[in-house]
Amino acid sequence: MSPWLIETFGARQLNEALWFLSLMTAPIWVLLLIPGAPKPIQRICQPFFLPVLLVPVWAYLLYNAWTISRLPTFQTVDYAAVRLIARHPLLVLVFIAHIQILNLFLGLVIYQDAAKRKISVPLEMLFCWFGGPAGLLLYAIRRLFSKG
């Protein structure tokens, strides 16, 4: 199925999928923003545990993109060829899931390091949730200028 058919007849489902992917990590981020989180929450907030639980969502989207639609093919690897990915609605959803999982992984690494140093990092966590590397940059600057 071509991308324009998917967008034409699946616009509502694409919007629902976008919202689901955007909010699928929200409960975890809310837990990370709780100051002085209880020990059980700290125990499950592991970078190699929670993000891995979301990988099946990413794999399901990739599987659907592979089986339902005609994926772009590349003759060369250049900007014009790679830009075809951004035009495919299902691959855009795969990319959004990918970013959500990586941002969560990064946030959990920051969370663990901050817990080890006994510091609160709500601003860094918010920036990491919505901007990934921006939160890492803020946390790195904070670490650079803090003692210990």
Protein backbone atom coordinates (compact mmCIF):
# COMPACT_ATOMS: atom_id res chain seq x y z
CA MET A 1 0.00 0.00 0.00
CA SER A 2 1.43 3.37 -0.92
CA PRO A 3 2.05 6.11 1.66
CA TRP A 4 -0.64 8.41 0.27
CA LEU A 5 -3.25 5.65 0.60
CA ILE A 6 -2.22 5.08 4.19
CA GLU A 7 -2.50 8.80 4.94
CA THR A 8 -5.81 9.15 3.09
CA PHE A 9 -7.67 6.21 4.61
CA GLY A 10 -5.82 5.93 7.89
CA ALA A 11 -5.53 9.56 9.02
CA ARG A 12 -7.52 8.96 12.21
CA GLN A 13 -5.51 5.83 13.08
CA LEU A 14 -2.22 7.64 12.36
CA ASN A 15 -3.24 10.46 14.71
CA GLU A 16 -4.21 7.97 17.41
CA ALA A 17 -0.90 6.14 16.98
CA LEU A 18 0.99 9.43 17.22
CA TRP A 19 -0.74 10.29 20.50
CA PHE A 20 -0.19 6.79 21.87
CA LEU A 21 3.52 6.89 21.03
CA SER A 22 3.91 10.39 22.42
CA LEU A 23 2.26 9.43 25.71
CA MET A 24 3.45 5.82 26.13
CA THR A 25 6.38 6.86 28.30
CA ALA A 26 4.46 9.52 30.29
CA PRO A 27 3.70 7.34 33.35
CA ILE A 28 7.38 6.48 33.69
CA TRP A 29 8.44 10.11 33.37
CA VAL A 30 5.89 11.11 36.02
CA LEU A 31 7.43 8.52 38.36
CA LEU A 32 10.90 9.90 37.63
CA LEU A 33 9.75 13.43 38.50
CA ILE A 34 8.53 12.45 41.97
CA PRO A 35 11.01 13.88 44.46
CA GLY A 36 12.35 11.30 46.90
CA ALA A 37 10.83 8.36 45.07
CA PRO A 38 10.25 5.22 47.16
CA LYS A 39 12.74 2.35 46.87
CA PRO A 40 10.46 0.11 44.73
CA ILE A 41 10.19 2.87 42.12
CA GLN A 42 13.95 3.41 42.20
CA ARG A 43 14.48 -0.33 41.73
CA ILE A 44 12.33 -0.61 38.60
CA CYS A 45 13.70 2.61 37.06
CA GLN A 46 16.58 0.82 35.38
CA PRO A 47 17.79 1.89 31.91
CA PHE A 48 18.04 -1.72 30.73
CA PHE A 49 14.59 -2.69 32.02
CA LEU A 50 11.85 -0.12 31.33
CA PRO A 51 12.93 0.98 27.83
CA VAL A 52 13.30 -2.67 26.80
CA LEU A 53 9.64 -3.22 27.72
CA LEU A 54 8.71 -0.69 25.02
CA VAL A 55 10.76 -2.30 22.25
CA PRO A 56 7.83 -4.57 21.21
CA VAL A 57 5.83 -1.43 20.33
CA TRP A 58 8.68 -0.29 18.07
CA ALA A 59 9.00 -3.80 16.57
CA TYR A 60 5.23 -4.00 15.93
CA LEU A 61 5.29 -0.68 14.05
CA LEU A 62 8.27 -1.79 12.02
CA TYR A 63 6.56 -5.10 11.24
CA ASN A 64 3.42 -3.24 10.08
CA ALA A 65 5.47 -0.89 7.94
CA TRP A 66 7.19 -3.90 6.37
CA THR A 67 4.08 -6.03 5.76
CA ILE A 68 1.33 -3.48 5.10
CA SER A 69 3.02 -0.95 2.91
CA ARG A 70 5.61 -0.56 0.25
CA LEU A 71 8.79 0.65 1.93
CA PRO A 72 11.10 2.98 0.03
CA THR A 73 14.11 1.37 -1.61
CA PHE A 74 17.52 2.99 -1.87
CA GLN A 75 19.85 2.90 -4.86
CA THR A 76 22.35 5.16 -3.13
CA VAL A 77 22.79 6.48 0.38
CA ASP A 78 22.44 10.23 0.21
CA TYR A 79 20.17 12.89 1.62
CA ALA A 80 17.57 12.59 -1.14
CA ALA A 81 17.29 8.83 -0.65
CA VAL A 82 17.06 9.01 3.12
CA ARG A 83 14.45 11.77 2.86
CA LEU A 84 12.05 9.15 1.47
CA ILE A 85 11.80 7.72 5.00
CA ALA A 86 10.38 10.98 6.30
CA ARG A 87 7.62 10.81 3.69
CA HIS A 88 6.41 7.38 4.77
CA PRO A 89 3.77 7.68 7.53
CA LEU A 90 4.48 4.32 9.19
CA LEU A 91 8.24 4.88 9.22
CA VAL A 92 7.67 8.27 10.85
CA LEU A 93 5.80 6.44 13.64
CA VAL A 94 8.69 3.95 13.93
CA PHE A 95 11.06 6.91 14.29
CA ILE A 96 8.89 8.53 16.98
CA ALA A 97 8.81 5.28 18.98
CA HIS A 98 12.57 5.01 18.53
CA ILE A 99 13.13 8.51 19.91
CA GLN A 100 10.76 7.92 22.85
CA ILE A 101 12.64 4.76 23.86
CA LEU A 102 16.06 6.42 23.53
CA ASN A 103 14.95 9.51 25.48
CA LEU A 104 13.63 7.26 28.24
CA PHE A 105 16.89 5.31 28.33
CA LEU A 106 18.85 8.56 28.58
CA GLY A 107 16.54 9.91 31.28
CA LEU A 108 16.91 6.74 33.34
CA VAL A 109 20.70 6.95 33.12
CA ILE A 110 20.55 10.55 34.34
CA TYR A 111 18.06 9.54 37.05
CA GLN A 112 20.33 6.78 38.35
CA ASP A 113 23.41 8.99 38.35
CA ALA A 114 21.53 11.77 40.15
CA ALA A 115 20.16 9.31 42.72
CA LYS A 116 23.67 8.02 43.35
CA ARG A 117 24.83 11.60 44.00
CA LYS A 118 21.66 12.34 46.02
CA ILE A 119 20.59 15.31 43.91
CA SER A 120 17.19 16.19 42.48
CA VAL A 121 17.04 16.82 38.73
CA PRO A 122 13.43 17.65 37.77
CA LEU A 123 14.37 20.31 35.20
CA GLU A 124 16.88 18.01 33.53
CA MET A 125 14.30 15.20 33.47
CA LEU A 126 11.68 17.42 31.82
CA PHE A 127 14.16 18.55 29.19
CA CYS A 128 15.21 14.95 28.61
CA TRP A 129 11.59 13.83 28.26
CA PHE A 130 10.82 16.36 25.56
CA GLY A 131 14.25 16.99 24.09
CA GLY A 132 16.57 14.10 24.96
CA PRO A 133 20.03 15.59 24.38
CA ALA A 134 18.95 18.96 25.83
CA GLY A 135 18.39 17.27 29.20
CA LEU A 136 21.73 15.52 28.94
CA LEU A 137 23.42 18.85 28.21
CA LEU A 138 21.78 20.50 31.23
CA TYR A 139 22.76 17.58 33.45
CA ALA A 140 26.34 17.58 32.12
CA ILE A 141 26.66 21.32 32.84
CA ARG A 142 25.25 20.79 36.33
CA ARG A 143 27.71 17.95 36.96
CA LEU A 144 30.59 20.03 35.61
CA PHE A 145 29.94 22.86 38.06
CA SER A 146 28.85 20.82 41.08
CA LYS A 147 31.05 19.38 43.80
CA GLY A 148 31.67 15.63 43.97
